[in-house]
Amino acid sequence: MGLKEHLKDFFFGFAVLPHLRTVVKMRFEEDMFMMTLTIGDMIGLPIMPPVYKLSLLPYWLPLIRRWKKELLGEKGALEKIEE
């Protein structure tokens, strides 16, 4: 890698990467919120009628395990401070 590529990577990490991580985190939190609305009855939160849930289930099926882990997982004191 040349100097130009190193400078490009440095400036990308300096200027763009923090914003990119924030956008990815916001997208993940939005997906978790939508999953809670649509399939929240799996954890005891019946919000939407079952007819709508069945049409959305194919989109959420790959993410259900991660959603349950995020929603039901205990968070330590340091993790709460970071948020």
C-alpha atoms as a PDB file:
ATOM      1  CA  MET A   1       0.000   0.000   0.000  1.00  0.00           C
ATOM      2  CA  GLY A   2       1.234   3.410  -0.903  1.00  0.00           C
ATOM      3  CA  LEU A   3       1.172   6.625   1.046  1.00  0.00           C
ATOM      4  CA  LYS A   4      -1.963   7.781  -0.773  1.00  0.00           C
ATOM      5  CA  GLU A   5      -3.903   4.680   0.303  1.00  0.00           C
ATOM      6  CA  HIS A   6      -2.692   5.003   3.902  1.00  0.00           C
ATOM      7  CA  LEU A   7      -3.791   8.649   4.026  1.00  0.00           C
ATOM      8  CA  LYS A   8      -7.134   7.740   2.472  1.00  0.00           C
ATOM      9  CA  ASP A   9      -7.701   5.010   5.108  1.00  0.00           C
ATOM     10  CA  PHE A  10      -6.625   7.367   7.897  1.00  0.00           C
ATOM     11  CA  PHE A  11      -8.997  10.135   6.865  1.00  0.00           C
ATOM     12  CA  PHE A  12     -11.829   7.650   6.338  1.00  0.00           C
ATOM     13  CA  GLY A  13     -11.331   6.320   9.863  1.00  0.00           C
ATOM     14  CA  PHE A  14     -10.994   9.811  11.274  1.00  0.00           C
ATOM     15  CA  ALA A  15     -13.904  11.509   9.520  1.00  0.00           C
ATOM     16  CA  VAL A  16     -16.399   8.885   8.355  1.00  0.00           C
ATOM     17  CA  LEU A  17     -16.089   5.772  10.506  1.00  0.00           C
ATOM     18  CA  PRO A  18     -17.645   7.166  13.741  1.00  0.00           C
ATOM     19  CA  HIS A  19     -20.674   8.390  11.806  1.00  0.00           C
ATOM     20  CA  LEU A  20     -20.952   5.108   9.944  1.00  0.00           C
ATOM     21  CA  ARG A  21     -20.924   3.159  13.217  1.00  0.00           C
ATOM     22  CA  THR A  22     -23.636   5.429  14.614  1.00  0.00           C
ATOM     23  CA  VAL A  23     -25.823   4.849  11.564  1.00  0.00           C
ATOM     24  CA  VAL A  24     -25.334   1.070  11.776  1.00  0.00           C
ATOM     25  CA  LYS A  25     -26.200   1.086  15.493  1.00  0.00           C
ATOM     26  CA  MET A  26     -29.319   3.196  14.879  1.00  0.00           C
ATOM     27  CA  ARG A  27     -30.415   0.827  12.113  1.00  0.00           C
ATOM     28  CA  PHE A  28     -29.950  -2.167  14.421  1.00  0.00           C
ATOM     29  CA  GLU A  29     -31.963  -0.496  17.206  1.00  0.00           C
ATOM     30  CA  GLU A  30     -34.718   0.393  14.737  1.00  0.00           C
ATOM     31  CA  ASP A  31     -34.865  -3.209  13.517  1.00  0.00           C
ATOM     32  CA  MET A  32     -35.071  -4.460  17.116  1.00  0.00           C
ATOM     33  CA  PHE A  33     -37.919  -2.020  17.815  1.00  0.00           C
ATOM     34  CA  MET A  34     -39.826  -3.157  14.724  1.00  0.00           C
ATOM     35  CA  MET A  35     -39.313  -6.797  15.668  1.00  0.00           C
ATOM     36  CA  THR A  36     -40.669  -6.048  19.154  1.00  0.00           C
ATOM     37  CA  LEU A  37     -43.778  -4.545  17.578  1.00  0.00           C
ATOM     38  CA  THR A  38     -44.337  -7.361  15.128  1.00  0.00           C
ATOM     39  CA  ILE A  39     -43.346 -10.515  17.003  1.00  0.00           C
ATOM     40  CA  GLY A  40     -43.308  -9.269  20.579  1.00  0.00           C
ATOM     41  CA  ASP A  41     -45.774 -11.961  21.643  1.00  0.00           C
ATOM     42  CA  MET A  42     -42.828 -14.371  21.753  1.00  0.00           C
ATOM     43  CA  ILE A  43     -41.782 -12.632  24.956  1.00  0.00           C
ATOM     44  CA  GLY A  44     -45.290 -11.804  26.196  1.00  0.00           C
ATOM     45  CA  LEU A  45     -46.010  -8.468  24.455  1.00  0.00           C
ATOM     46  CA  PRO A  46     -49.031  -9.017  22.181  1.00  0.00           C
ATOM     47  CA  ILE A  47     -49.267  -5.788  20.173  1.00  0.00           C
ATOM     48  CA  MET A  48     -50.283  -6.636  16.587  1.00  0.00           C
ATOM     49  CA  PRO A  49     -52.884  -9.094  15.281  1.00  0.00           C
ATOM     50  CA  PRO A  50     -51.426 -12.421  14.057  1.00  0.00           C
ATOM     51  CA  VAL A  51     -52.433 -11.863  10.410  1.00  0.00           C
ATOM     52  CA  TYR A  52     -49.836  -9.120   9.924  1.00  0.00           C
ATOM     53  CA  LYS A  53     -47.171 -11.044  11.784  1.00  0.00           C
ATOM     54  CA  LEU A  54     -47.355 -13.977   9.398  1.00  0.00           C
ATOM     55  CA  SER A  55     -46.639 -11.775   6.398  1.00  0.00           C
ATOM     56  CA  LEU A  56     -43.602 -10.200   8.116  1.00  0.00           C
ATOM     57  CA  LEU A  57     -42.214 -13.407   9.588  1.00  0.00           C
ATOM     58  CA  PRO A  58     -40.040 -14.374   6.567  1.00  0.00           C
ATOM     59  CA  TYR A  59     -38.157 -11.070   6.888  1.00  0.00           C
ATOM     60  CA  TRP A  60     -37.593 -11.383  10.650  1.00  0.00           C
ATOM     61  CA  LEU A  61     -36.890 -15.110  10.859  1.00  0.00           C
ATOM     62  CA  PRO A  62     -33.089 -14.845  10.383  1.00  0.00           C
ATOM     63  CA  LEU A  63     -32.865 -12.184  13.124  1.00  0.00           C
ATOM     64  CA  ILE A  64     -35.055 -13.738  15.839  1.00  0.00           C
ATOM     65  CA  ARG A  65     -32.217 -15.311  17.839  1.00  0.00           C
ATOM     66  CA  ARG A  66     -30.223 -12.058  17.878  1.00  0.00           C
ATOM     67  CA  TRP A  67     -33.368 -10.073  18.767  1.00  0.00           C
ATOM     68  CA  LYS A  68     -34.147 -12.301  21.747  1.00  0.00           C
ATOM     69  CA  LYS A  69     -30.555 -12.094  22.942  1.00  0.00           C
ATOM     70  CA  GLU A  70     -30.538  -8.293  22.680  1.00  0.00           C
ATOM     71  CA  LEU A  71     -33.941  -7.804  24.256  1.00  0.00           C
ATOM     72  CA  LEU A  72     -33.745 -10.305  27.071  1.00  0.00           C
ATOM     73  CA  GLY A  73     -30.023 -10.125  27.800  1.00  0.00           C
ATOM     74  CA  GLU A  74     -28.913  -8.536  31.027  1.00  0.00           C
ATOM     75  CA  LYS A  75     -26.725  -5.490  30.727  1.00  0.00           C
ATOM     76  CA  GLY A  76     -23.959  -4.609  33.107  1.00  0.00           C
ATOM     77  CA  ALA A  77     -23.396  -1.197  34.652  1.00  0.00           C
ATOM     78  CA  LEU A  78     -20.643  -0.302  32.182  1.00  0.00           C
ATOM     79  CA  GLU A  79     -22.830  -1.137  29.187  1.00  0.00           C
ATOM     80  CA  LYS A  80     -25.622   1.089  30.522  1.00  0.00           C
ATOM     81  CA  ILE A  81     -23.194   3.987  30.939  1.00  0.00           C
ATOM     82  CA  GLU A  82     -22.034   3.702  27.311  1.00  0.00           C
ATOM     83  CA  GLU A  83     -25.594   4.116  26.033  1.00  0.00           C
END
